[in-house]
């Protein structure tokens, strides 16, 4: 099955089965496969992160993997991350991360710097991006964020839907069946954005205009006059 948006196409295919030793294949075997071979850094970049558990109980989240894809769905960055704190829970059933993945992983500071550089001046696409940005200890201009968890037409009674539900309803694609694949999740978020891109950008533009008008209308505060000279 193929989905198209102007010059951007995604194929929906079948997932590869687990190998004989029980390990999952690389999640590049995503059900969402871009057809364009263009792997350049486009103006729109989708990001997805997977977390591992640190702290004595393993209930504190730390960045374990970060993936960036361009508007065509091609991976432009994909790195496992070695957290500053010791990993107590790899959360493999959800994160897909295993101990061996972090043995040669990059240090957090290196990944943070590389991701920050790649996202500079770009439109950042993703789902619940506040969690990913918090894990990276990064910020991004609000006007350049396109979050599928906060886009009004994707909400239900004012509440955000899970990415897998949006993918099923809007894209007719099943994702997150078992271990999460950040490549697949980033592609799904980008595909959702591209389907609504025109209306979404118009909404952002109108919002920026409205805020500028409100700023101009605010009365300037006058300095209080000092005591008369004696």
N, C-alpha and C. Protein backbone atom coordinates (compact mmCIF):
# COMPACT_ATOMS: atom_id res chain seq x y z
N UNK A 1 0.86 -1.19 0.00
CA UNK A 1 0.00 0.00 0.00
C UNK A 1 0.89 1.24 0.00
N UNK A 2 0.52 2.28 -0.75
CA UNK A 2 1.35 3.47 -0.85
C UNK A 2 0.55 4.70 -0.48
N UNK A 3 1.20 5.63 0.24
CA UNK A 3 0.59 6.90 0.57
C UNK A 3 1.43 7.99 -0.07
N UNK A 4 0.77 8.97 -0.67
CA UNK A 4 1.50 10.02 -1.35
C UNK A 4 1.11 11.39 -0.83
N UNK A 5 2.08 12.30 -0.83
CA UNK A 5 1.81 13.71 -0.57
C UNK A 5 2.78 14.48 -1.43
N UNK A 6 2.29 15.05 -2.53
CA UNK A 6 3.13 15.76 -3.50
C UNK A 6 4.29 14.85 -3.92
N UNK A 7 5.54 15.30 -3.62
CA UNK A 7 6.69 14.51 -4.05
C UNK A 7 7.18 13.58 -2.95
N UNK A 8 6.38 13.34 -1.93
CA UNK A 8 6.78 12.48 -0.83
C UNK A 8 5.89 11.25 -0.80
N UNK A 9 6.49 10.06 -0.86
CA UNK A 9 5.71 8.82 -0.82
C UNK A 9 6.27 7.88 0.23
N UNK A 10 5.36 7.19 0.88
CA UNK A 10 5.76 6.17 1.85
C UNK A 10 5.09 4.87 1.46
N UNK A 11 5.82 3.78 1.53
CA UNK A 11 5.24 2.45 1.34
C UNK A 11 4.87 1.86 2.68
N UNK A 12 3.79 1.15 2.73
CA UNK A 12 3.40 0.39 3.91
C UNK A 12 3.59 -1.08 3.55
N UNK A 13 4.51 -1.72 4.22
CA UNK A 13 4.81 -3.11 3.91
C UNK A 13 4.72 -3.98 5.14
N UNK A 14 5.21 -5.22 5.01
CA UNK A 14 5.16 -6.15 6.13
C UNK A 14 6.44 -6.09 6.92
N UNK A 15 6.31 -6.29 8.23
CA UNK A 15 7.45 -6.36 9.13
C UNK A 15 8.18 -7.69 8.94
N UNK A 16 9.48 -7.68 9.08
CA UNK A 16 10.22 -8.95 9.05
C UNK A 16 10.03 -9.67 10.37
N UNK A 17 10.06 -10.98 10.31
CA UNK A 17 9.88 -11.78 11.52
C UNK A 17 11.17 -11.78 12.34
N UNK A 18 11.05 -12.21 13.60
CA UNK A 18 12.23 -12.33 14.44
C UNK A 18 13.14 -13.42 13.90
N UNK A 19 14.43 -13.26 14.13
CA UNK A 19 15.38 -14.26 13.69
C UNK A 19 15.31 -15.48 14.60
N UNK A 20 16.00 -16.54 14.22
CA UNK A 20 15.90 -17.80 14.94
C UNK A 20 16.36 -17.71 16.39
N UNK A 21 17.33 -16.83 16.66
CA UNK A 21 17.83 -16.74 18.03
C UNK A 21 16.95 -15.88 18.93
N UNK A 22 15.83 -15.42 18.38
CA UNK A 22 14.86 -14.68 19.20
C UNK A 22 15.05 -13.19 19.20
N UNK A 23 16.15 -12.71 18.63
CA UNK A 23 16.39 -11.27 18.61
C UNK A 23 15.60 -10.63 17.47
N UNK A 24 15.14 -9.42 17.73
CA UNK A 24 14.40 -8.71 16.69
C UNK A 24 15.37 -8.22 15.63
N UNK A 25 14.94 -8.21 14.39
CA UNK A 25 15.76 -7.65 13.33
C UNK A 25 15.86 -6.14 13.53
N UNK A 26 16.82 -5.54 12.83
CA UNK A 26 16.96 -4.09 12.91
C UNK A 26 15.63 -3.42 12.56
N UNK A 27 15.31 -2.36 13.29
CA UNK A 27 13.99 -1.77 13.06
C UNK A 27 13.96 -0.92 11.80
N UNK A 28 15.04 -0.95 11.02
CA UNK A 28 14.98 -0.33 9.70
C UNK A 28 13.98 -1.09 8.82
N UNK A 29 13.58 -2.29 9.27
CA UNK A 29 12.57 -3.06 8.53
C UNK A 29 11.19 -2.56 8.94
N UNK A 30 11.06 -1.27 9.00
CA UNK A 30 9.84 -0.62 9.42
C UNK A 30 8.72 -0.84 8.41
N UNK A 31 7.48 -0.76 8.89
CA UNK A 31 6.35 -0.88 7.96
C UNK A 31 6.21 0.37 7.10
N UNK A 32 6.86 1.45 7.49
CA UNK A 32 6.84 2.68 6.71
C UNK A 32 8.20 2.85 6.05
N UNK A 33 8.26 2.65 4.75
CA UNK A 33 9.53 2.72 4.03
C UNK A 33 9.48 3.82 2.98
N UNK A 34 10.35 4.81 3.08
CA UNK A 34 10.36 5.89 2.09
C UNK A 34 10.83 5.39 0.73
N UNK A 35 10.32 5.97 -0.31
CA UNK A 35 10.72 5.55 -1.66
C UNK A 35 11.80 6.45 -2.22
N UNK A 36 11.89 7.67 -1.74
CA UNK A 36 12.92 8.58 -2.22
C UNK A 36 14.26 8.17 -1.63
N UNK A 37 15.30 8.31 -2.44
CA UNK A 37 16.64 7.99 -1.95
C UNK A 37 17.34 9.24 -1.38
N UNK A 38 16.61 10.34 -1.35
CA UNK A 38 17.16 11.61 -0.86
C UNK A 38 17.35 11.55 0.65
N UNK A 39 18.59 11.52 1.09
CA UNK A 39 18.89 11.47 2.53
C UNK A 39 19.49 12.78 3.03
N UNK A 40 19.16 13.85 2.35
CA UNK A 40 19.70 15.16 2.75
C UNK A 40 18.98 15.68 3.99
N UNK A 41 19.59 16.68 4.61
CA UNK A 41 18.98 17.33 5.78
C UNK A 41 17.95 18.32 5.26
N UNK A 42 16.69 17.99 5.34
CA UNK A 42 15.63 18.87 4.84
C UNK A 42 15.23 19.89 5.90
N UNK A 43 14.41 20.85 5.50
CA UNK A 43 13.98 21.88 6.44
C UNK A 43 13.09 21.32 7.54
N UNK A 44 12.44 20.18 7.26
CA UNK A 44 11.61 19.51 8.26
C UNK A 44 12.33 18.23 8.72
N UNK A 45 12.47 18.09 10.02
CA UNK A 45 13.13 16.92 10.59
C UNK A 45 12.21 16.33 11.67
N UNK A 46 11.96 15.03 11.58
CA UNK A 46 11.15 14.36 12.61
C UNK A 46 12.09 13.64 13.58
N UNK A 47 11.74 13.70 14.86
CA UNK A 47 12.59 13.09 15.88
C UNK A 47 11.77 12.15 16.76
N UNK A 48 12.40 11.05 17.14
CA UNK A 48 11.81 10.16 18.14
C UNK A 48 12.93 9.60 19.01
N UNK A 49 12.65 9.48 20.30
CA UNK A 49 13.64 8.97 21.25
C UNK A 49 13.09 7.77 22.01
N UNK A 50 13.97 6.89 22.40
CA UNK A 50 13.62 5.78 23.27
C UNK A 50 14.38 5.94 24.58
N UNK A 51 13.72 5.60 25.67
CA UNK A 51 14.29 5.81 27.00
C UNK A 51 14.66 4.49 27.68
N UNK A 52 15.63 4.60 28.58
CA UNK A 52 15.98 3.49 29.47
C UNK A 52 15.79 3.99 30.90
N UNK A 53 15.77 3.06 31.86
CA UNK A 53 15.55 3.43 33.25
C UNK A 53 16.84 3.52 34.05
N UNK A 54 17.01 4.64 34.74
CA UNK A 54 18.16 4.83 35.63
C UNK A 54 17.63 5.09 37.04
N UNK A 55 18.50 5.37 37.98
CA UNK A 55 18.19 5.55 39.41
C UNK A 55 18.06 4.16 40.05
N UNK A 56 18.15 4.07 41.37
CA UNK A 56 18.12 2.76 42.05
C UNK A 56 16.94 1.87 41.65
N UNK A 57 15.76 2.47 41.45
CA UNK A 57 14.57 1.69 41.10
C UNK A 57 14.35 1.58 39.59
N UNK A 58 15.15 2.29 38.83
CA UNK A 58 14.99 2.25 37.37
C UNK A 58 13.78 3.01 36.88
N UNK A 59 13.18 3.82 37.75
CA UNK A 59 11.95 4.54 37.36
C UNK A 59 12.22 5.95 36.83
N UNK A 60 13.48 6.32 36.74
CA UNK A 60 13.83 7.62 36.16
C UNK A 60 14.27 7.40 34.72
N UNK A 61 13.70 8.15 33.80
CA UNK A 61 14.00 7.94 32.37
C UNK A 61 15.26 8.69 31.94
N UNK A 62 16.03 8.02 31.09
CA UNK A 62 17.21 8.64 30.49
C UNK A 62 17.26 8.25 29.02
N UNK A 63 17.85 9.10 28.23
CA UNK A 63 17.92 8.88 26.78
C UNK A 63 18.75 7.64 26.45
N UNK A 64 18.17 6.74 25.64
CA UNK A 64 18.88 5.53 25.23
C UNK A 64 19.12 5.46 23.74
N UNK A 65 18.29 6.18 22.98
CA UNK A 65 18.45 6.20 21.53
C UNK A 65 17.70 7.39 20.96
N UNK A 66 18.27 8.02 19.97
CA UNK A 66 17.59 9.13 19.31
C UNK A 66 17.72 8.96 17.80
N UNK A 67 16.60 9.19 17.12
CA UNK A 67 16.55 9.03 15.66
C UNK A 67 15.94 10.26 15.02
N UNK A 68 16.55 10.69 13.93
CA UNK A 68 16.03 11.81 13.14
C UNK A 68 15.82 11.34 11.71
N UNK A 69 14.68 11.70 11.12
CA UNK A 69 14.43 11.40 9.71
C UNK A 69 14.06 12.68 8.98
N UNK A 70 14.38 12.72 7.69
CA UNK A 70 14.04 13.91 6.92
C UNK A 70 12.59 13.82 6.41
N UNK A 71 12.18 14.78 5.61
CA UNK A 71 10.77 14.82 5.20
C UNK A 71 10.39 13.66 4.29
N UNK A 72 11.39 12.99 3.73
CA UNK A 72 11.12 11.84 2.88
C UNK A 72 11.07 10.54 3.69
N UNK A 73 11.38 10.65 4.98
CA UNK A 73 11.37 9.48 5.84
C UNK A 73 12.71 8.77 5.92
N UNK A 74 13.74 9.33 5.27
CA UNK A 74 15.06 8.71 5.33
C UNK A 74 15.79 9.10 6.61
N UNK A 75 16.47 8.14 7.20
CA UNK A 75 17.20 8.38 8.44
C UNK A 75 18.41 9.27 8.17
N UNK A 76 18.51 10.36 8.93
CA UNK A 76 19.67 11.25 8.81
C UNK A 76 20.53 11.20 10.07
N UNK A 77 19.99 10.58 11.13
CA UNK A 77 20.75 10.43 12.37
C UNK A 77 20.09 9.34 13.20
N UNK A 78 20.89 8.40 13.70
CA UNK A 78 20.34 7.33 14.53
C UNK A 78 21.46 6.81 15.42
N UNK A 79 21.39 7.14 16.70
CA UNK A 79 22.47 6.76 17.61
C UNK A 79 21.91 6.24 18.93
N UNK A 80 22.55 5.19 19.44
CA UNK A 80 22.29 4.77 20.81
C UNK A 80 23.11 5.68 21.71
N UNK A 81 22.63 5.89 22.92
CA UNK A 81 23.24 6.86 23.82
C UNK A 81 23.62 6.20 25.14
N UNK A 82 24.83 6.51 25.60
CA UNK A 82 25.26 6.02 26.90
C UNK A 82 24.89 7.07 27.95
N UNK A 83 23.89 6.78 28.79
CA UNK A 83 23.47 7.76 29.80
C UNK A 83 24.57 8.06 30.80
N UNK A 84 24.46 9.21 31.43
CA UNK A 84 25.43 9.61 32.45
C UNK A 84 25.32 8.67 33.65
N UNK A 85 24.08 8.31 34.02
CA UNK A 85 23.85 7.42 35.15
C UNK A 85 23.81 5.96 34.69
N UNK A 86 24.03 5.05 35.64
CA UNK A 86 24.02 3.63 35.31
C UNK A 86 22.61 3.16 34.95
N UNK A 87 22.51 2.38 33.88
CA UNK A 87 21.21 1.87 33.43
C UNK A 87 20.81 0.69 34.31
N UNK A 88 19.60 0.79 34.89
CA UNK A 88 19.07 -0.26 35.75
C UNK A 88 18.05 -1.11 34.99
N UNK A 89 17.29 -0.45 34.11
CA UNK A 89 16.25 -1.13 33.36
C UNK A 89 16.34 -0.70 31.89
N UNK A 90 16.63 -1.64 31.02
CA UNK A 90 16.74 -1.30 29.59
C UNK A 90 15.37 -1.14 28.93
N UNK A 91 14.32 -1.55 29.62
CA UNK A 91 12.94 -1.42 29.12
C UNK A 91 12.81 -1.98 27.70
N UNK A 92 13.47 -3.11 27.46
CA UNK A 92 13.58 -3.68 26.12
C UNK A 92 12.23 -3.94 25.47
N UNK A 93 11.24 -4.38 26.26
CA UNK A 93 9.93 -4.70 25.68
C UNK A 93 9.30 -3.50 24.97
N UNK A 94 9.65 -2.29 25.43
CA UNK A 94 9.13 -1.08 24.80
C UNK A 94 10.22 -0.40 23.97
N UNK A 95 11.39 -0.18 24.58
CA UNK A 95 12.44 0.59 23.93
C UNK A 95 13.15 -0.16 22.81
N UNK A 96 13.17 -1.51 22.91
CA UNK A 96 13.92 -2.30 21.94
C UNK A 96 15.42 -2.25 22.17
N UNK A 97 15.83 -1.58 23.25
CA UNK A 97 17.26 -1.43 23.56
C UNK A 97 17.74 -2.58 24.42
N UNK A 98 18.91 -3.11 24.06
CA UNK A 98 19.51 -4.21 24.80
C UNK A 98 20.89 -3.80 25.31
N UNK A 99 21.40 -4.49 26.34
CA UNK A 99 22.71 -4.13 26.89
C UNK A 99 23.80 -3.98 25.83
N UNK A 100 23.80 -4.87 24.84
CA UNK A 100 24.85 -4.81 23.81
C UNK A 100 24.79 -3.51 22.99
N UNK A 101 23.60 -2.91 22.91
CA UNK A 101 23.44 -1.70 22.12
C UNK A 101 24.18 -0.51 22.73
N UNK A 102 24.34 -0.52 24.03
CA UNK A 102 24.95 0.62 24.70
C UNK A 102 26.44 0.44 24.97
N UNK A 103 26.98 -0.74 24.61
CA UNK A 103 28.40 -1.00 24.86
C UNK A 103 29.30 -0.05 24.06
N UNK A 104 28.91 0.21 22.81
CA UNK A 104 29.70 1.12 21.97
C UNK A 104 28.93 2.40 21.65
N UNK A 105 27.97 2.70 22.50
CA UNK A 105 27.13 3.89 22.26
C UNK A 105 27.91 5.17 22.51
N UNK A 106 27.43 6.25 21.92
CA UNK A 106 28.06 7.56 22.12
C UNK A 106 27.68 8.12 23.48
N UNK A 107 28.55 8.94 24.04
CA UNK A 107 28.24 9.60 25.30
C UNK A 107 27.12 10.60 25.10
N UNK A 108 26.34 10.82 26.15
CA UNK A 108 25.19 11.72 26.08
C UNK A 108 25.58 13.10 25.55
N UNK A 109 26.66 13.67 26.08
CA UNK A 109 27.07 15.02 25.68
C UNK A 109 27.36 15.15 24.21
N UNK A 110 27.94 14.10 23.62
CA UNK A 110 28.26 14.12 22.19
C UNK A 110 26.99 14.11 21.36
N UNK A 111 26.06 13.22 21.72
CA UNK A 111 24.79 13.12 21.01
C UNK A 111 23.99 14.41 21.14
N UNK A 112 23.94 14.94 22.34
CA UNK A 112 23.21 16.19 22.58
C UNK A 112 23.71 17.30 21.66
N UNK A 113 25.02 17.43 21.55
CA UNK A 113 25.62 18.48 20.72
C UNK A 113 25.32 18.26 19.24
N UNK A 114 25.42 17.01 18.79
CA UNK A 114 25.18 16.70 17.38
C UNK A 114 23.73 16.92 16.99
N UNK A 115 22.81 16.51 17.86
CA UNK A 115 21.38 16.70 17.57
C UNK A 115 21.02 18.18 17.56
N UNK A 116 21.54 18.92 18.54
CA UNK A 116 21.26 20.37 18.61
C UNK A 116 21.70 21.07 17.33
N UNK A 117 22.85 20.67 16.81
CA UNK A 117 23.38 21.28 15.59
C UNK A 117 22.49 20.96 14.39
N UNK A 118 22.00 19.72 14.32
CA UNK A 118 21.17 19.31 13.19
C UNK A 118 19.79 19.96 13.21
N UNK A 119 19.29 20.24 14.41
CA UNK A 119 17.94 20.80 14.52
C UNK A 119 17.90 22.32 14.41
N UNK A 120 19.07 22.93 14.44
CA UNK A 120 19.13 24.40 14.42
C UNK A 120 18.48 24.96 13.16
N UNK A 121 17.47 25.81 13.36
CA UNK A 121 16.79 26.46 12.24
C UNK A 121 15.82 25.57 11.48
N UNK A 122 15.57 24.35 11.98
CA UNK A 122 14.68 23.42 11.29
C UNK A 122 13.29 23.37 11.94
N UNK A 123 12.31 22.92 11.18
CA UNK A 123 10.99 22.63 11.72
C UNK A 123 11.07 21.23 12.33
N UNK A 124 10.79 21.14 13.62
CA UNK A 124 10.92 19.88 14.34
C UNK A 124 9.56 19.20 14.45
N UNK A 125 9.48 17.99 13.92
CA UNK A 125 8.24 17.20 13.90
C UNK A 125 8.38 16.02 14.85
N UNK A 126 7.29 15.67 15.52
CA UNK A 126 7.34 14.49 16.39
C UNK A 126 6.07 14.35 17.20
N UNK A 127 6.07 13.42 18.12
CA UNK A 127 4.90 13.16 18.97
C UNK A 127 5.30 13.30 20.43
N UNK A 128 4.63 14.20 21.15
CA UNK A 128 4.98 14.50 22.55
C UNK A 128 6.45 14.89 22.63
N UNK A 129 6.83 15.85 21.84
CA UNK A 129 8.23 16.26 21.73
C UNK A 129 8.81 16.82 23.03
N UNK A 130 7.96 17.29 23.92
CA UNK A 130 8.48 17.82 25.19
C UNK A 130 9.26 16.75 25.94
N UNK A 131 8.83 15.50 25.83
CA UNK A 131 9.53 14.40 26.50
C UNK A 131 10.90 14.16 25.87
N UNK A 132 10.95 14.19 24.55
CA UNK A 132 12.22 13.97 23.85
C UNK A 132 13.20 15.11 24.11
N UNK A 133 12.69 16.34 24.05
CA UNK A 133 13.56 17.50 24.28
C UNK A 133 14.05 17.53 25.73
N UNK A 134 13.19 17.12 26.66
CA UNK A 134 13.59 17.06 28.06
C UNK A 134 14.70 16.03 28.26
N UNK A 135 14.56 14.89 27.60
CA UNK A 135 15.58 13.84 27.72
C UNK A 135 16.92 14.30 27.14
N UNK A 136 16.87 15.13 26.12
CA UNK A 136 18.08 15.64 25.48
C UNK A 136 18.61 16.91 26.17
N UNK A 137 17.82 17.44 27.11
CA UNK A 137 18.15 18.70 27.78
C UNK A 137 18.33 19.81 26.75
N UNK A 138 17.40 19.83 25.78
CA UNK A 138 17.43 20.84 24.72
C UNK A 138 16.11 21.59 24.67
N UNK A 139 16.14 22.75 24.05
CA UNK A 139 14.91 23.51 23.79
C UNK A 139 14.85 23.78 22.29
N UNK A 140 13.67 24.16 21.82
CA UNK A 140 13.49 24.47 20.40
C UNK A 140 12.41 25.55 20.31
N UNK A 141 12.56 26.52 19.39
CA UNK A 141 11.55 27.58 19.26
C UNK A 141 10.14 27.00 19.06
N UNK A 142 9.19 27.49 19.83
CA UNK A 142 7.82 26.98 19.75
C UNK A 142 7.23 27.11 18.35
N UNK A 143 7.58 28.20 17.67
CA UNK A 143 7.04 28.42 16.33
C UNK A 143 7.58 27.42 15.32
N UNK A 144 8.65 26.70 15.68
CA UNK A 144 9.24 25.72 14.78
C UNK A 144 8.94 24.28 15.20
N UNK A 145 8.02 24.09 16.13
CA UNK A 145 7.66 22.76 16.59
C UNK A 145 6.31 22.34 16.00
N UNK A 146 6.26 21.13 15.44
CA UNK A 146 5.02 20.57 14.90
C UNK A 146 4.79 19.25 15.64
N UNK A 147 4.02 19.31 16.70
CA UNK A 147 3.81 18.16 17.57
C UNK A 147 2.47 17.51 17.28
N UNK A 148 2.49 16.27 16.81
CA UNK A 148 1.24 15.58 16.47
C UNK A 148 0.40 15.26 17.69
N UNK A 149 0.97 15.38 18.88
CA UNK A 149 0.21 15.15 20.12
C UNK A 149 -0.55 16.40 20.54
N UNK A 150 -0.24 17.54 19.90
CA UNK A 150 -0.87 18.80 20.28
C UNK A 150 -1.63 19.48 19.15
N UNK A 151 -1.54 18.95 17.95
CA UNK A 151 -2.23 19.56 16.81
C UNK A 151 -3.74 19.36 16.97
N UNK A 152 -4.48 20.46 16.96
CA UNK A 152 -5.90 20.46 17.27
C UNK A 152 -6.72 19.41 16.50
N UNK A 153 -6.59 19.31 15.19
CA UNK A 153 -7.38 18.31 14.46
C UNK A 153 -7.09 16.86 14.85
N UNK A 154 -5.96 16.62 15.51
CA UNK A 154 -5.62 15.27 15.94
C UNK A 154 -6.07 14.96 17.37
N UNK A 155 -6.63 15.94 18.05
CA UNK A 155 -7.05 15.74 19.44
C UNK A 155 -8.46 15.14 19.50
N UNK A 156 -8.75 14.51 20.63
CA UNK A 156 -10.08 13.98 20.87
C UNK A 156 -10.59 14.59 22.16
N UNK A 157 -11.60 15.45 22.03
CA UNK A 157 -12.17 16.16 23.18
C UNK A 157 -11.07 16.89 23.96
N UNK A 158 -10.16 17.49 23.20
CA UNK A 158 -9.10 18.28 23.82
C UNK A 158 -7.92 17.47 24.32
N UNK A 159 -7.98 16.17 24.21
CA UNK A 159 -6.89 15.32 24.70
C UNK A 159 -6.12 14.69 23.54
N UNK A 160 -4.83 14.51 23.74
CA UNK A 160 -4.01 13.94 22.68
C UNK A 160 -4.20 12.43 22.59
N UNK A 161 -4.02 11.92 21.39
CA UNK A 161 -4.11 10.48 21.14
C UNK A 161 -2.70 9.89 21.07
N UNK A 162 -2.59 8.61 21.36
CA UNK A 162 -1.30 7.93 21.22
C UNK A 162 -0.92 7.91 19.74
N UNK A 163 0.38 7.90 19.47
CA UNK A 163 0.85 7.90 18.08
C UNK A 163 0.33 6.69 17.32
N UNK A 164 0.28 5.54 17.98
CA UNK A 164 -0.19 4.33 17.29
C UNK A 164 -1.65 4.47 16.88
N UNK A 165 -2.45 5.18 17.70
CA UNK A 165 -3.86 5.38 17.35
C UNK A 165 -3.99 6.34 16.18
N UNK A 166 -3.19 7.40 16.18
CA UNK A 166 -3.22 8.35 15.07
C UNK A 166 -2.78 7.66 13.77
N UNK A 167 -1.75 6.84 13.86
CA UNK A 167 -1.25 6.13 12.68
C UNK A 167 -2.33 5.21 12.12
N UNK A 168 -3.06 4.54 13.01
CA UNK A 168 -4.11 3.62 12.57
C UNK A 168 -5.28 4.38 11.96
N UNK A 169 -5.69 5.49 12.60
CA UNK A 169 -6.87 6.23 12.15
C UNK A 169 -6.61 7.08 10.91
N UNK A 170 -5.47 7.77 10.90
CA UNK A 170 -5.19 8.72 9.82
C UNK A 170 -4.43 8.08 8.66
N UNK A 171 -3.50 7.19 9.00
CA UNK A 171 -2.65 6.60 7.96
C UNK A 171 -3.03 5.17 7.60
N UNK A 172 -3.91 4.58 8.41
CA UNK A 172 -4.29 3.18 8.23
C UNK A 172 -3.08 2.25 8.31
N UNK A 173 -2.21 2.55 9.28
CA UNK A 173 -0.97 1.79 9.47
C UNK A 173 -0.88 1.34 10.92
N UNK A 174 -0.45 0.09 11.11
CA UNK A 174 -0.25 -0.41 12.47
C UNK A 174 1.22 -0.30 12.85
N UNK A 175 1.48 0.42 13.93
CA UNK A 175 2.86 0.56 14.42
C UNK A 175 2.89 0.19 15.90
N UNK A 176 4.11 0.12 16.44
CA UNK A 176 4.31 -0.17 17.85
C UNK A 176 3.68 -1.49 18.28
N UNK A 177 3.81 -2.49 17.42
CA UNK A 177 3.35 -3.83 17.77
C UNK A 177 4.48 -4.54 18.49
N UNK A 178 4.57 -4.33 19.79
CA UNK A 178 5.69 -4.88 20.55
C UNK A 178 6.72 -3.80 20.78
N UNK A 179 7.99 -4.15 20.57
CA UNK A 179 9.06 -3.18 20.78
C UNK A 179 8.89 -1.98 19.85
N UNK A 180 9.10 -0.77 20.40
CA UNK A 180 8.97 0.43 19.59
C UNK A 180 10.20 0.60 18.71
N UNK A 181 9.97 1.10 17.54
CA UNK A 181 11.06 1.42 16.61
C UNK A 181 11.06 2.93 16.40
N UNK A 182 12.09 3.64 16.87
CA UNK A 182 12.10 5.10 16.73
C UNK A 182 12.12 5.56 15.28
N UNK A 183 12.67 4.74 14.39
CA UNK A 183 12.65 5.09 12.97
C UNK A 183 11.21 5.09 12.46
N UNK A 184 10.50 4.05 12.81
CA UNK A 184 9.10 3.92 12.41
C UNK A 184 8.25 5.04 13.02
N UNK A 185 8.47 5.32 14.30
CA UNK A 185 7.68 6.35 14.98
C UNK A 185 7.95 7.73 14.40
N UNK A 186 9.21 8.01 14.10
CA UNK A 186 9.56 9.31 13.51
C UNK A 186 8.95 9.43 12.11
N UNK A 187 8.99 8.34 11.35
CA UNK A 187 8.38 8.37 10.01
C UNK A 187 6.87 8.57 10.09
N UNK A 188 6.23 7.92 11.06
CA UNK A 188 4.78 8.07 11.21
C UNK A 188 4.43 9.51 11.54
N UNK A 189 5.20 10.13 12.44
CA UNK A 189 4.94 11.52 12.81
C UNK A 189 5.13 12.44 11.61
N UNK A 190 6.20 12.18 10.84
CA UNK A 190 6.45 13.00 9.65
C UNK A 190 5.33 12.83 8.63
N UNK A 191 4.86 11.61 8.46
CA UNK A 191 3.79 11.33 7.50
C UNK A 191 2.50 12.04 7.90
N UNK A 192 2.22 12.03 9.20
CA UNK A 192 1.04 12.73 9.71
C UNK A 192 1.15 14.23 9.43
N UNK A 193 2.34 14.77 9.67
CA UNK A 193 2.56 16.19 9.42
C UNK A 193 2.40 16.52 7.94
N UNK A 194 3.00 15.70 7.07
CA UNK A 194 2.95 15.98 5.64
C UNK A 194 1.52 15.92 5.10
N UNK A 195 0.70 15.07 5.67
CA UNK A 195 -0.71 14.99 5.23
C UNK A 195 -1.47 16.27 5.54
N UNK A 196 -1.08 16.93 6.63
CA UNK A 196 -1.79 18.13 7.08
C UNK A 196 -0.93 19.39 6.94
N UNK A 197 0.16 19.26 6.23
CA UNK A 197 1.15 20.34 6.18
C UNK A 197 0.58 21.70 5.79
N UNK A 198 -0.19 21.73 4.73
CA UNK A 198 -0.69 23.00 4.23
C UNK A 198 -1.56 23.71 5.27
N UNK A 199 -2.54 22.97 5.82
CA UNK A 199 -3.43 23.57 6.83
C UNK A 199 -2.66 23.91 8.11
N UNK A 200 -1.73 23.03 8.50
CA UNK A 200 -0.97 23.22 9.72
C UNK A 200 -0.12 24.50 9.64
N UNK A 201 0.57 24.68 8.52
CA UNK A 201 1.42 25.85 8.36
C UNK A 201 0.59 27.13 8.29
N UNK A 202 -0.60 27.04 7.71
CA UNK A 202 -1.47 28.20 7.66
C UNK A 202 -1.90 28.61 9.08
N UNK A 203 -2.20 27.60 9.90
CA UNK A 203 -2.59 27.85 11.29
C UNK A 203 -1.46 28.52 12.07
N UNK A 204 -0.24 28.02 11.88
CA UNK A 204 0.92 28.59 12.57
C UNK A 204 1.14 30.03 12.13
N UNK A 205 1.02 30.26 10.83
CA UNK A 205 1.22 31.61 10.29
C UNK A 205 0.19 32.59 10.87
N UNK A 206 -1.06 32.16 10.92
CA UNK A 206 -2.13 33.00 11.47
C UNK A 206 -1.90 33.29 12.95
N UNK A 207 -1.41 32.29 13.68
CA UNK A 207 -1.15 32.46 15.11
C UNK A 207 -0.03 33.46 15.36
N UNK A 208 1.01 33.38 14.54
CA UNK A 208 2.13 34.32 14.66
C UNK A 208 1.66 35.74 14.37
N UNK A 209 0.82 35.90 13.34
CA UNK A 209 0.29 37.22 12.99
C UNK A 209 -0.55 37.80 14.13
N UNK A 210 -1.39 36.94 14.72
CA UNK A 210 -2.25 37.36 15.81
C UNK A 210 -1.43 37.83 17.01
N UNK A 211 -0.37 37.10 17.32
CA UNK A 211 0.47 37.45 18.46
C UNK A 211 1.20 38.77 18.23
N UNK A 212 1.60 39.00 16.97
CA UNK A 212 2.27 40.26 16.64
C UNK A 212 1.32 41.44 16.79
N UNK A 213 0.05 41.24 16.38
CA UNK A 213 -0.95 42.31 16.52
C UNK A 213 -1.21 42.61 17.98
N UNK A 214 -1.33 41.55 18.80
CA UNK A 214 -1.56 41.73 20.23
C UNK A 214 -0.41 42.47 20.89
N UNK A 215 0.80 42.17 20.43
CA UNK A 215 1.98 42.81 20.99
C UNK A 215 1.99 44.30 20.69
N UNK A 216 1.56 44.64 19.46
CA UNK A 216 1.52 46.05 19.05
C UNK A 216 0.44 46.83 19.80
N UNK A 217 -0.65 46.13 20.17
CA UNK A 217 -1.76 46.80 20.85
C UNK A 217 -1.46 47.10 22.31
N UNK A 218 -0.53 46.37 22.90
CA UNK A 218 -0.24 46.57 24.33
C UNK A 218 0.27 47.98 24.57
N UNK A 219 -0.37 48.70 25.49
CA UNK A 219 0.07 50.07 25.77
C UNK A 219 1.44 50.08 26.43
N UNK A 220 2.23 51.06 26.03
CA UNK A 220 3.56 51.17 26.62
C UNK A 220 3.47 51.73 28.03
N UNK A 221 4.25 51.19 28.91
CA UNK A 221 4.25 51.68 30.30
C UNK A 221 5.06 52.98 30.37
N UNK A 222 4.40 54.02 30.94
CA UNK A 222 5.07 55.30 31.07
C UNK A 222 5.87 55.35 32.36
N UNK A 223 7.06 55.89 32.25
CA UNK A 223 7.88 56.03 33.45
C UNK A 223 7.27 57.07 34.38
N UNK A 224 7.27 56.75 35.65
CA UNK A 224 6.72 57.70 36.62
C UNK A 224 7.65 58.91 36.73
N UNK A 225 7.02 60.06 36.75
CA UNK A 225 7.81 61.30 36.85
C UNK A 225 8.43 61.41 38.23
N UNK A 226 9.64 61.84 38.28
CA UNK A 226 10.35 61.99 39.55
C UNK A 226 9.87 63.24 40.29
N UNK A 227 10.32 63.44 41.50
CA UNK A 227 9.92 64.61 42.29
C UNK A 227 10.40 65.89 41.62
N UNK A 228 9.63 66.94 41.72
CA UNK A 228 10.03 68.21 41.10
C UNK A 228 11.35 68.73 41.67
N UNK A 229 12.12 69.33 40.80
CA UNK A 229 13.43 69.85 41.24
C UNK A 229 13.23 70.98 42.20
N UNK A 230 14.04 71.04 43.25
CA UNK A 230 13.90 72.11 44.27
C UNK A 230 14.65 73.35 43.85
